[in-house]
Amino acid sequence: MDSQCCLDNTTNNRKALDFAEKAVMANAKQIAKVFTPFYGEAATEQLYTLLVKHYDAIKAYSEATVAGSKSRQDAALADYASNTDEIAARDIGREQRIGAHRDEFSDI
């Protein structure tokens, strides 16, 4: 749905796209801030950066679609996949660290 909204606004309503982008950035910041008490400010900023990159790839794909550029679509999809891998690697690493600490306290 995000990509459809972005695509529609790219072609039809720049003001709505600007509003939607601000809302997406605010939402990404809120999502990232949920992690601050558990992982600290650095992890929050890292997650926020990854979420922004995720949206940027969707936006780039939408713009490439409007422009009719298959090569730009492919590049945007590659960025999206790479970003998804970064997010997954970050989450897997966190789960491994949590699991290690969980094992330390299993006797409690």
PDB file of N, CA and C in Angstrom:
ATOM      1  N   MET A   1       0.815  -1.187   0.000  1.00  0.00           N
ATOM      2  CA  MET A   1       0.000   0.000   0.000  1.00  0.00           C
ATOM      3  C   MET A   1       0.862   1.255   0.000  1.00  0.00           C
ATOM      4  N   ASP A   2       1.974   1.282   0.770  1.00  0.00           N
ATOM      5  CA  ASP A   2       2.832   2.458   0.797  1.00  0.00           C
ATOM      6  C   ASP A   2       3.316   2.811  -0.598  1.00  0.00           C
ATOM      7  N   SER A   3       3.719   1.804  -1.361  1.00  0.00           N
ATOM      8  CA  SER A   3       4.233   2.081  -2.695  1.00  0.00           C
ATOM      9  C   SER A   3       3.136   2.607  -3.608  1.00  0.00           C
ATOM     10  N   GLN A   4       1.896   2.124  -3.466  1.00  0.00           N
ATOM     11  CA  GLN A   4       0.798   2.637  -4.280  1.00  0.00           C
ATOM     12  C   GLN A   4       0.522   4.094  -3.943  1.00  0.00           C
ATOM     13  N   CYS A   5       0.531   4.410  -2.669  1.00  0.00           N
ATOM     14  CA  CYS A   5       0.302   5.784  -2.226  1.00  0.00           C
ATOM     15  C   CYS A   5       1.407   6.688  -2.752  1.00  0.00           C
ATOM     16  N   CYS A   6       2.632   6.249  -2.628  1.00  0.00           N
ATOM     17  CA  CYS A   6       3.766   7.032  -3.105  1.00  0.00           C
ATOM     18  C   CYS A   6       3.684   7.227  -4.615  1.00  0.00           C
ATOM     19  N   LEU A   7       3.359   6.186  -5.338  1.00  0.00           N
ATOM     20  CA  LEU A   7       3.250   6.261  -6.796  1.00  0.00           C
ATOM     21  C   LEU A   7       2.146   7.231  -7.195  1.00  0.00           C
ATOM     22  N   ASP A   8       0.996   7.119  -6.568  1.00  0.00           N
ATOM     23  CA  ASP A   8      -0.116   8.004  -6.885  1.00  0.00           C
ATOM     24  C   ASP A   8       0.257   9.460  -6.603  1.00  0.00           C
ATOM     25  N   ASN A   9       0.851   9.709  -5.456  1.00  0.00           N
ATOM     26  CA  ASN A   9       1.200  11.072  -5.088  1.00  0.00           C
ATOM     27  C   ASN A   9       2.343  11.624  -5.934  1.00  0.00           C
ATOM     28  N   THR A  10       3.227  10.761  -6.401  1.00  0.00           N
ATOM     29  CA  THR A  10       4.315  11.213  -7.262  1.00  0.00           C
ATOM     30  C   THR A  10       3.764  11.786  -8.553  1.00  0.00           C
ATOM     31  N   THR A  11       2.705  11.175  -9.064  1.00  0.00           N
ATOM     32  CA  THR A  11       2.155  11.620 -10.341  1.00  0.00           C
ATOM     33  C   THR A  11       1.061  12.665 -10.192  1.00  0.00           C
ATOM     34  N   ASN A  12       0.348  12.672  -9.087  1.00  0.00           N
ATOM     35  CA  ASN A  12      -0.858  13.486  -8.997  1.00  0.00           C
ATOM     36  C   ASN A  12      -0.840  14.629  -7.988  1.00  0.00           C
ATOM     37  N   ASN A  13      -0.092  14.510  -6.913  1.00  0.00           N
ATOM     38  CA  ASN A  13      -0.260  15.491  -5.853  1.00  0.00           C
ATOM     39  C   ASN A  13       1.020  15.630  -5.030  1.00  0.00           C
ATOM     40  N   ARG A  14       1.870  16.542  -5.421  1.00  0.00           N
ATOM     41  CA  ARG A  14       3.158  16.731  -4.733  1.00  0.00           C
ATOM     42  C   ARG A  14       2.958  17.165  -3.279  1.00  0.00           C
ATOM     43  N   LYS A  15       1.941  17.984  -3.013  1.00  0.00           N
ATOM     44  CA  LYS A  15       1.675  18.429  -1.643  1.00  0.00           C
ATOM     45  C   LYS A  15       1.337  17.231  -0.746  1.00  0.00           C
ATOM     46  N   ALA A  16       0.513  16.323  -1.258  1.00  0.00           N
ATOM     47  CA  ALA A  16       0.163  15.123  -0.493  1.00  0.00           C
ATOM     48  C   ALA A  16       1.389  14.237  -0.291  1.00  0.00           C
ATOM     49  N   LEU A  17       2.251  14.151  -1.296  1.00  0.00           N
ATOM     50  CA  LEU A  17       3.473  13.355  -1.153  1.00  0.00           C
ATOM     51  C   LEU A  17       4.364  13.940  -0.067  1.00  0.00           C
ATOM     52  N   ASP A  18       4.526  15.262  -0.054  1.00  0.00           N
ATOM     53  CA  ASP A  18       5.341  15.904   0.986  1.00  0.00           C
ATOM     54  C   ASP A  18       4.771  15.618   2.373  1.00  0.00           C
ATOM     55  N   PHE A  19       3.448  15.717   2.502  1.00  0.00           N
ATOM     56  CA  PHE A  19       2.803  15.424   3.781  1.00  0.00           C
ATOM     57  C   PHE A  19       3.037  13.970   4.183  1.00  0.00           C
ATOM     58  N   ALA A  20       2.858  13.055   3.218  1.00  0.00           N
ATOM     59  CA  ALA A  20       3.041  11.625   3.498  1.00  0.00           C
ATOM     60  C   ALA A  20       4.480  11.330   3.897  1.00  0.00           C
ATOM     61  N   GLU A  21       5.448  11.952   3.231  1.00  0.00           N
ATOM     62  CA  GLU A  21       6.852  11.726   3.571  1.00  0.00           C
ATOM     63  C   GLU A  21       7.151  12.179   5.000  1.00  0.00           C
ATOM     64  N   LYS A  22       6.624  13.321   5.391  1.00  0.00           N
ATOM     65  CA  LYS A  22       6.825  13.795   6.765  1.00  0.00           C
ATOM     66  C   LYS A  22       6.207  12.821   7.762  1.00  0.00           C
ATOM     67  N   ALA A  23       5.035  12.294   7.433  1.00  0.00           N
ATOM     68  CA  ALA A  23       4.374  11.328   8.311  1.00  0.00           C
ATOM     69  C   ALA A  23       5.179  10.031   8.407  1.00  0.00           C
ATOM     70  N   VAL A  24       5.723   9.576   7.284  1.00  0.00           N
ATOM     71  CA  VAL A  24       6.542   8.359   7.286  1.00  0.00           C
ATOM     72  C   VAL A  24       7.784   8.558   8.151  1.00  0.00           C
ATOM     73  N   MET A  25       8.446   9.710   8.016  1.00  0.00           N
ATOM     74  CA  MET A  25       9.648   9.985   8.801  1.00  0.00           C
ATOM     75  C   MET A  25       9.319  10.065  10.298  1.00  0.00           C
ATOM     76  N   ALA A  26       8.207  10.702  10.626  1.00  0.00           N
ATOM     77  CA  ALA A  26       7.797  10.778  12.026  1.00  0.00           C
ATOM     78  C   ALA A  26       7.477   9.388  12.570  1.00  0.00           C
ATOM     79  N   ASN A  27       6.810   8.572  11.765  1.00  0.00           N
ATOM     80  CA  ASN A  27       6.481   7.208  12.173  1.00  0.00           C
ATOM     81  C   ASN A  27       7.751   6.379  12.372  1.00  0.00           C
ATOM     82  N   ALA A  28       8.708   6.521  11.457  1.00  0.00           N
ATOM     83  CA  ALA A  28       9.977   5.794  11.580  1.00  0.00           C
ATOM     84  C   ALA A  28      10.701   6.192  12.864  1.00  0.00           C
ATOM     85  N   LYS A  29      10.681   7.473  13.189  1.00  0.00           N
ATOM     86  CA  LYS A  29      11.328   7.961  14.420  1.00  0.00           C
ATOM     87  C   LYS A  29      10.640   7.366  15.642  1.00  0.00           C
ATOM     88  N   GLN A  30       9.298   7.317  15.619  1.00  0.00           N
ATOM     89  CA  GLN A  30       8.560   6.738  16.747  1.00  0.00           C
ATOM     90  C   GLN A  30       8.868   5.258  16.909  1.00  0.00           C
ATOM     91  N   ILE A  31       8.908   4.536  15.814  1.00  0.00           N
ATOM     92  CA  ILE A  31       9.236   3.103  15.874  1.00  0.00           C
ATOM     93  C   ILE A  31      10.625   2.907  16.465  1.00  0.00           C
ATOM     94  N   ALA A  32      11.584   3.664  15.961  1.00  0.00           N
ATOM     95  CA  ALA A  32      12.962   3.517  16.435  1.00  0.00           C
ATOM     96  C   ALA A  32      13.088   3.864  17.916  1.00  0.00           C
ATOM     97  N   LYS A  33      12.388   4.885  18.364  1.00  0.00           N
ATOM     98  CA  LYS A  33      12.495   5.324  19.762  1.00  0.00           C
ATOM     99  C   LYS A  33      11.991   4.274  20.758  1.00  0.00           C
ATOM    100  N   VAL A  34      11.142   3.375  20.292  1.00  0.00           N
ATOM    101  CA  VAL A  34      10.667   2.304  21.174  1.00  0.00           C
ATOM    102  C   VAL A  34      11.858   1.480  21.700  1.00  0.00           C
ATOM    103  N   PHE A  35      12.924   1.396  20.926  1.00  0.00           N
ATOM    104  CA  PHE A  35      14.078   0.573  21.287  1.00  0.00           C
ATOM    105  C   PHE A  35      15.072   1.277  22.213  1.00  0.00           C
ATOM    106  N   THR A  36      14.948   2.587  22.391  1.00  0.00           N
ATOM    107  CA  THR A  36      15.923   3.348  23.176  1.00  0.00           C
ATOM    108  C   THR A  36      16.116   2.819  24.589  1.00  0.00           C
ATOM    109  N   PRO A  37      15.062   2.553  25.354  1.00  0.00           N
ATOM    110  CA  PRO A  37      15.282   2.088  26.731  1.00  0.00           C
ATOM    111  C   PRO A  37      16.022   0.746  26.815  1.00  0.00           C
ATOM    112  N   PHE A  38      15.911  -0.045  25.768  1.00  0.00           N
ATOM    113  CA  PHE A  38      16.497  -1.375  25.789  1.00  0.00           C
ATOM    114  C   PHE A  38      17.893  -1.428  25.169  1.00  0.00           C
ATOM    115  N   TYR A  39      18.112  -0.637  24.111  1.00  0.00           N
ATOM    116  CA  TYR A  39      19.350  -0.753  23.343  1.00  0.00           C
ATOM    117  C   TYR A  39      20.141   0.535  23.240  1.00  0.00           C
ATOM    118  N   GLY A  40      19.596   1.645  23.734  1.00  0.00           N
ATOM    119  CA  GLY A  40      20.309   2.905  23.745  1.00  0.00           C
ATOM    120  C   GLY A  40      20.059   3.760  22.515  1.00  0.00           C
ATOM    121  N   GLU A  41      20.559   4.982  22.596  1.00  0.00           N
ATOM    122  CA  GLU A  41      20.335   5.973  21.549  1.00  0.00           C
ATOM    123  C   GLU A  41      21.018   5.595  20.239  1.00  0.00           C
ATOM    124  N   ALA A  42      22.206   5.004  20.311  1.00  0.00           N
ATOM    125  CA  ALA A  42      22.921   4.637  19.074  1.00  0.00           C
ATOM    126  C   ALA A  42      22.123   3.609  18.270  1.00  0.00           C
ATOM    127  N   ALA A  43      21.556   2.625  18.950  1.00  0.00           N
ATOM    128  CA  ALA A  43      20.743   1.616  18.267  1.00  0.00           C
ATOM    129  C   ALA A  43      19.474   2.244  17.693  1.00  0.00           C
ATOM    130  N   THR A  44      18.916   3.204  18.405  1.00  0.00           N
ATOM    131  CA  THR A  44      17.731   3.910  17.924  1.00  0.00           C
ATOM    132  C   THR A  44      18.039   4.638  16.628  1.00  0.00           C
ATOM    133  N   GLU A  45      19.148   5.354  16.596  1.00  0.00           N
ATOM    134  CA  GLU A  45      19.529   6.093  15.388  1.00  0.00           C
ATOM    135  C   GLU A  45      19.837   5.142  14.232  1.00  0.00           C
ATOM    136  N   GLN A  46      20.468   4.010  14.546  1.00  0.00           N
ATOM    137  CA  GLN A  46      20.772   3.030  13.503  1.00  0.00           C
ATOM    138  C   GLN A  46      19.477   2.485  12.896  1.00  0.00           C
ATOM    139  N   LEU A  47      18.523   2.136  13.735  1.00  0.00           N
ATOM    140  CA  LEU A  47      17.251   1.615  13.231  1.00  0.00           C
ATOM    141  C   LEU A  47      16.517   2.694  12.437  1.00  0.00           C
ATOM    142  N   TYR A  48      16.512   3.922  12.929  1.00  0.00           N
ATOM    143  CA  TYR A  48      15.857   5.010  12.203  1.00  0.00           C
ATOM    144  C   TYR A  48      16.469   5.161  10.808  1.00  0.00           C
ATOM    145  N   THR A  49      17.774   5.124  10.729  1.00  0.00           N
ATOM    146  CA  THR A  49      18.463   5.236   9.434  1.00  0.00           C
ATOM    147  C   THR A  49      18.039   4.107   8.497  1.00  0.00           C
ATOM    148  N   LEU A  50      17.950   2.893   9.017  1.00  0.00           N
ATOM    149  CA  LEU A  50      17.533   1.757   8.194  1.00  0.00           C
ATOM    150  C   LEU A  50      16.083   1.902   7.728  1.00  0.00           C
ATOM    151  N   LEU A  51      15.220   2.398   8.590  1.00  0.00           N
ATOM    152  CA  LEU A  51      13.814   2.593   8.205  1.00  0.00           C
ATOM    153  C   LEU A  51      13.678   3.675   7.139  1.00  0.00           C
ATOM    154  N   VAL A  52      14.462   4.732   7.259  1.00  0.00           N
ATOM    155  CA  VAL A  52      14.436   5.790   6.246  1.00  0.00           C
ATOM    156  C   VAL A  52      14.931   5.244   4.907  1.00  0.00           C
ATOM    157  N   LYS A  53      15.995   4.449   4.939  1.00  0.00           N
ATOM    158  CA  LYS A  53      16.503   3.840   3.705  1.00  0.00           C
ATOM    159  C   LYS A  53      15.443   2.933   3.079  1.00  0.00           C
ATOM    160  N   HIS A  54      14.681   2.261   3.902  1.00  0.00           N
ATOM    161  CA  HIS A  54      13.618   1.380   3.425  1.00  0.00           C
ATOM    162  C   HIS A  54      12.582   2.199   2.642  1.00  0.00           C
ATOM    163  N   TYR A  55      12.161   3.297   3.222  1.00  0.00           N
ATOM    164  CA  TYR A  55      11.205   4.170   2.535  1.00  0.00           C
ATOM    165  C   TYR A  55      11.823   4.784   1.277  1.00  0.00           C
ATOM    166  N   ASP A  56      13.070   5.197   1.367  1.00  0.00           N
ATOM    167  CA  ASP A  56      13.737   5.789   0.198  1.00  0.00           C
ATOM    168  C   ASP A  56      13.728   4.839  -0.996  1.00  0.00           C
ATOM    169  N   ALA A  57      13.900   3.551  -0.732  1.00  0.00           N
ATOM    170  CA  ALA A  57      13.877   2.566  -1.820  1.00  0.00           C
ATOM    171  C   ALA A  57      12.482   2.468  -2.437  1.00  0.00           C
ATOM    172  N   ILE A  58      11.451   2.511  -1.599  1.00  0.00           N
ATOM    173  CA  ILE A  58      10.079   2.482  -2.102  1.00  0.00           C
ATOM    174  C   ILE A  58       9.802   3.723  -2.947  1.00  0.00           C
ATOM    175  N   LYS A  59      10.238   4.860  -2.453  1.00  0.00           N
ATOM    176  CA  LYS A  59      10.044   6.112  -3.182  1.00  0.00           C
ATOM    177  C   LYS A  59      10.794   6.070  -4.521  1.00  0.00           C
ATOM    178  N   ALA A  60      12.038   5.587  -4.497  1.00  0.00           N
ATOM    179  CA  ALA A  60      12.832   5.513  -5.735  1.00  0.00           C
ATOM    180  C   ALA A  60      12.163   4.590  -6.744  1.00  0.00           C
ATOM    181  N   TYR A  61      11.600   3.486  -6.275  1.00  0.00           N
ATOM    182  CA  TYR A  61      10.895   2.570  -7.172  1.00  0.00           C
ATOM    183  C   TYR A  61       9.675   3.254  -7.796  1.00  0.00           C
ATOM    184  N   SER A  62       8.929   3.978  -6.968  1.00  0.00           N
ATOM    185  CA  SER A  62       7.746   4.684  -7.471  1.00  0.00           C
ATOM    186  C   SER A  62       8.133   5.716  -8.519  1.00  0.00           C
ATOM    187  N   GLU A  63       9.180   6.483  -8.244  1.00  0.00           N
ATOM    188  CA  GLU A  63       9.625   7.495  -9.202  1.00  0.00           C
ATOM    189  C   GLU A  63      10.118   6.849 -10.494  1.00  0.00           C
ATOM    190  N   ALA A  64      10.807   5.721 -10.376  1.00  0.00           N
ATOM    191  CA  ALA A  64      11.279   5.000 -11.563  1.00  0.00           C
ATOM    192  C   ALA A  64      10.109   4.466 -12.376  1.00  0.00           C
ATOM    193  N   THR A  65       9.054   4.035 -11.690  1.00  0.00           N
ATOM    194  CA  THR A  65       7.864   3.538 -12.368  1.00  0.00           C
ATOM    195  C   THR A  65       7.201   4.663 -13.166  1.00  0.00           C
ATOM    196  N   VAL A  66       7.072   5.819 -12.534  1.00  0.00           N
ATOM    197  CA  VAL A  66       6.483   6.969 -13.218  1.00  0.00           C
ATOM    198  C   VAL A  66       7.326   7.350 -14.432  1.00  0.00           C
ATOM    199  N   ALA A  67       8.656   7.285 -14.284  1.00  0.00           N
ATOM    200  CA  ALA A  67       9.563   7.643 -15.378  1.00  0.00           C
ATOM    201  C   ALA A  67       9.657   6.548 -16.436  1.00  0.00           C
ATOM    202  N   GLY A  68       9.120   5.368 -16.128  1.00  0.00           N
ATOM    203  CA  GLY A  68       9.188   4.245 -17.067  1.00  0.00           C
ATOM    204  C   GLY A  68      10.588   3.677 -17.209  1.00  0.00           C
ATOM    205  N   SER A  69      11.371   3.750 -16.134  1.00  0.00           N
ATOM    206  CA  SER A  69      12.760   3.314 -16.182  1.00  0.00           C
ATOM    207  C   SER A  69      12.946   1.969 -15.478  1.00  0.00           C
ATOM    208  N   LYS A  70      13.025   0.916 -16.268  1.00  0.00           N
ATOM    209  CA  LYS A  70      13.217  -0.433 -15.718  1.00  0.00           C
ATOM    210  C   LYS A  70      14.538  -0.535 -14.962  1.00  0.00           C
ATOM    211  N   SER A  71      15.590   0.100 -15.465  1.00  0.00           N
ATOM    212  CA  SER A  71      16.894   0.013 -14.794  1.00  0.00           C
ATOM    213  C   SER A  71      16.857   0.693 -13.421  1.00  0.00           C
ATOM    214  N   ARG A  72      16.149   1.806 -13.325  1.00  0.00           N
ATOM    215  CA  ARG A  72      16.011   2.471 -12.019  1.00  0.00           C
ATOM    216  C   ARG A  72      15.111   1.663 -11.086  1.00  0.00           C
ATOM    217  N   GLN A  73      14.096   0.996 -11.643  1.00  0.00           N
ATOM    218  CA  GLN A  73      13.264   0.110 -10.819  1.00  0.00           C
ATOM    219  C   GLN A  73      14.122  -1.019 -10.250  1.00  0.00           C
ATOM    220  N   ASP A  74      14.926  -1.622 -11.107  1.00  0.00           N
ATOM    221  CA  ASP A  74      15.786  -2.722 -10.668  1.00  0.00           C
ATOM    222  C   ASP A  74      16.762  -2.263  -9.584  1.00  0.00           C
ATOM    223  N   ALA A  75      17.324  -1.068  -9.756  1.00  0.00           N
ATOM    224  CA  ALA A  75      18.252  -0.534  -8.755  1.00  0.00           C
ATOM    225  C   ALA A  75      17.532  -0.293  -7.426  1.00  0.00           C
ATOM    226  N   ALA A  76      16.308   0.234  -7.501  1.00  0.00           N
ATOM    227  CA  ALA A  76      15.531   0.481  -6.285  1.00  0.00           C
ATOM    228  C   ALA A  76      15.187  -0.825  -5.578  1.00  0.00           C
ATOM    229  N   LEU A  77      14.832  -1.847  -6.362  1.00  0.00           N
ATOM    230  CA  LEU A  77      14.536  -3.158  -5.766  1.00  0.00           C
ATOM    231  C   LEU A  77      15.774  -3.755  -5.111  1.00  0.00           C
ATOM    232  N   ALA A  78      16.927  -3.572  -5.727  1.00  0.00           N
ATOM    233  CA  ALA A  78      18.181  -4.066  -5.140  1.00  0.00           C
ATOM    234  C   ALA A  78      18.468  -3.333  -3.829  1.00  0.00           C
ATOM    235  N   ASP A  79      18.253  -2.021  -3.808  1.00  0.00           N
ATOM    236  CA  ASP A  79      18.444  -1.255  -2.568  1.00  0.00           C
ATOM    237  C   ASP A  79      17.473  -1.732  -1.490  1.00  0.00           C
ATOM    238  N   TYR A  80      16.240  -1.973  -1.885  1.00  0.00           N
ATOM    239  CA  TYR A  80      15.216  -2.447  -0.946  1.00  0.00           C
ATOM    240  C   TYR A  80      15.623  -3.797  -0.346  1.00  0.00           C
ATOM    241  N   ALA A  81      16.067  -4.708  -1.204  1.00  0.00           N
ATOM    242  CA  ALA A  81      16.477  -6.038  -0.731  1.00  0.00           C
ATOM    243  C   ALA A  81      17.684  -5.936   0.190  1.00  0.00           C
ATOM    244  N   SER A  82      18.649  -5.103  -0.174  1.00  0.00           N
ATOM    245  CA  SER A  82      19.835  -4.924   0.649  1.00  0.00           C
ATOM    246  C   SER A  82      19.465  -4.358   2.013  1.00  0.00           C
ATOM    247  N   ASN A  83      18.579  -3.379   2.017  1.00  0.00           N
ATOM    248  CA  ASN A  83      18.143  -2.770   3.266  1.00  0.00           C
ATOM    249  C   ASN A  83      17.392  -3.777   4.129  1.00  0.00           C
ATOM    250  N   THR A  84      16.559  -4.579   3.503  1.00  0.00           N
ATOM    251  CA  THR A  84      15.831  -5.618   4.238  1.00  0.00           C
ATOM    252  C   THR A  84      16.817  -6.589   4.887  1.00  0.00           C
ATOM    253  N   ASP A  85      17.867  -6.947   4.151  1.00  0.00           N
ATOM    254  CA  ASP A  85      18.903  -7.823   4.708  1.00  0.00           C
ATOM    255  C   ASP A  85      19.608  -7.160   5.891  1.00  0.00           C
ATOM    256  N   GLU A  86      19.876  -5.854   5.785  1.00  0.00           N
ATOM    257  CA  GLU A  86      20.515  -5.131   6.893  1.00  0.00           C
ATOM    258  C   GLU A  86      19.635  -5.140   8.134  1.00  0.00           C
ATOM    259  N   ILE A  87      18.352  -4.908   7.943  1.00  0.00           N
ATOM    260  CA  ILE A  87      17.425  -4.913   9.079  1.00  0.00           C
ATOM    261  C   ILE A  87      17.374  -6.306   9.703  1.00  0.00           C
ATOM    262  N   ALA A  88      17.287  -7.332   8.872  1.00  0.00           N
ATOM    263  CA  ALA A  88      17.227  -8.708   9.379  1.00  0.00           C
ATOM    264  C   ALA A  88      18.513  -9.067  10.117  1.00  0.00           C
ATOM    265  N   ALA A  89      19.661  -8.701   9.566  1.00  0.00           N
ATOM    266  CA  ALA A  89      20.943  -9.012  10.218  1.00  0.00           C
ATOM    267  C   ALA A  89      21.038  -8.304  11.560  1.00  0.00           C
ATOM    268  N   ARG A  90      20.551  -7.097  11.617  1.00  0.00           N
ATOM    269  CA  ARG A  90      20.563  -6.342  12.868  1.00  0.00           C
ATOM    270  C   ARG A  90      19.680  -7.030  13.903  1.00  0.00           C
ATOM    271  N   ASP A  91      18.484  -7.455  13.492  1.00  0.00           N
ATOM    272  CA  ASP A  91      17.562  -8.114  14.412  1.00  0.00           C
ATOM    273  C   ASP A  91      18.070  -9.487  14.828  1.00  0.00           C
ATOM    274  N   ILE A  92      18.656 -10.231  13.905  1.00  0.00           N
ATOM    275  CA  ILE A  92      19.204 -11.550  14.246  1.00  0.00           C
ATOM    276  C   ILE A  92      20.346 -11.399  15.245  1.00  0.00           C
ATOM    277  N   GLY A  93      21.206 -10.413  15.013  1.00  0.00           N
ATOM    278  CA  GLY A  93      22.305 -10.156  15.945  1.00  0.00           C
ATOM    279  C   GLY A  93      21.795  -9.807  17.328  1.00  0.00           C
ATOM    280  N   ARG A  94      20.735  -9.006  17.395  1.00  0.00           N
ATOM    281  CA  ARG A  94      20.159  -8.631  18.679  1.00  0.00           C
ATOM    282  C   ARG A  94      19.593  -9.859  19.375  1.00  0.00           C
ATOM    283  N   GLU A  95      18.876 -10.695  18.625  1.00  0.00           N
ATOM    284  CA  GLU A  95      18.308 -11.907  19.221  1.00  0.00           C
ATOM    285  C   GLU A  95      19.397 -12.836  19.743  1.00  0.00           C
ATOM    286  N   GLN A  96      20.504 -12.936  19.042  1.00  0.00           N
ATOM    287  CA  GLN A  96      21.604 -13.769  19.511  1.00  0.00           C
ATOM    288  C   GLN A  96      22.185 -13.218  20.802  1.00  0.00           C
ATOM    289  N   ARG A  97      22.325 -11.873  20.893  1.00  0.00           N
ATOM    290  CA  ARG A  97      22.848 -11.265  22.124  1.00  0.00           C
ATOM    291  C   ARG A  97      21.872 -11.473  23.276  1.00  0.00           C
ATOM    292  N   ILE A  98      20.582 -11.313  23.005  1.00  0.00           N
ATOM    293  CA  ILE A  98      19.581 -11.528  24.048  1.00  0.00           C
ATOM    294  C   ILE A  98      19.601 -12.985  24.486  1.00  0.00           C
ATOM    295  N   GLY A  99      19.670 -13.889  23.527  1.00  0.00           N
ATOM    296  CA  GLY A  99      19.705 -15.316  23.842  1.00  0.00           C
ATOM    297  C   GLY A  99      20.892 -15.682  24.714  1.00  0.00           C
ATOM    298  N   ALA A 100      22.040 -15.076  24.451  1.00  0.00           N
ATOM    299  CA  ALA A 100      23.231 -15.352  25.247  1.00  0.00           C
ATOM    300  C   ALA A 100      23.009 -14.920  26.691  1.00  0.00           C
ATOM    301  N   HIS A 101      22.406 -13.776  26.888  1.00  0.00           N
ATOM    302  CA  HIS A 101      22.139 -13.307  28.248  1.00  0.00           C
ATOM    303  C   HIS A 101      21.045 -14.125  28.910  1.00  0.00           C
ATOM    304  N   ARG A 102      20.071 -14.569  28.154  1.00  0.00           N
ATOM    305  CA  ARG A 102      18.996 -15.383  28.687  1.00  0.00           C
ATOM    306  C   ARG A 102      19.570 -16.677  29.251  1.00  0.00           C
ATOM    307  N   ASP A 103      20.538 -17.254  28.552  1.00  0.00           N
ATOM    308  CA  ASP A 103      21.179 -18.481  29.027  1.00  0.00           C
ATOM    309  C   ASP A 103      21.906 -18.268  30.348  1.00  0.00           C
ATOM    310  N   GLU A 104      22.486 -17.089  30.541  1.00  0.00           N
ATOM    311  CA  GLU A 104      23.203 -16.784  31.790  1.00  0.00           C
ATOM    312  C   GLU A 104      22.268 -16.811  32.978  1.00  0.00           C
ATOM    313  N   PHE A 105      21.002 -16.473  32.770  1.00  0.00           N
ATOM    314  CA  PHE A 105      20.058 -16.370  33.861  1.00  0.00           C
ATOM    315  C   PHE A 105      19.060 -17.524  33.915  1.00  0.00           C
ATOM    316  N   SER A 106      19.334 -18.570  33.191  1.00  0.00           N
ATOM    317  CA  SER A 106      18.369 -19.675  33.123  1.00  0.00           C
ATOM    318  C   SER A 106      18.215 -20.406  34.453  1.00  0.00           C
ATOM    319  N   ASP A 107      19.193 -20.273  35.349  1.00  0.00           N
ATOM    320  CA  ASP A 107      19.108 -20.958  36.640  1.00  0.00           C
ATOM    321  C   ASP A 107      18.330 -20.156  37.675  1.00  0.00           C
ATOM    322  N   ILE A 108      17.975 -18.928  37.345  1.00  0.00           N
ATOM    323  CA  ILE A 108      17.297 -18.069  38.321  1.00  0.00           C
ATOM    324  C   ILE A 108      15.836 -18.428  38.419  1.00  0.00           C
TER     325      ILE A 108
END
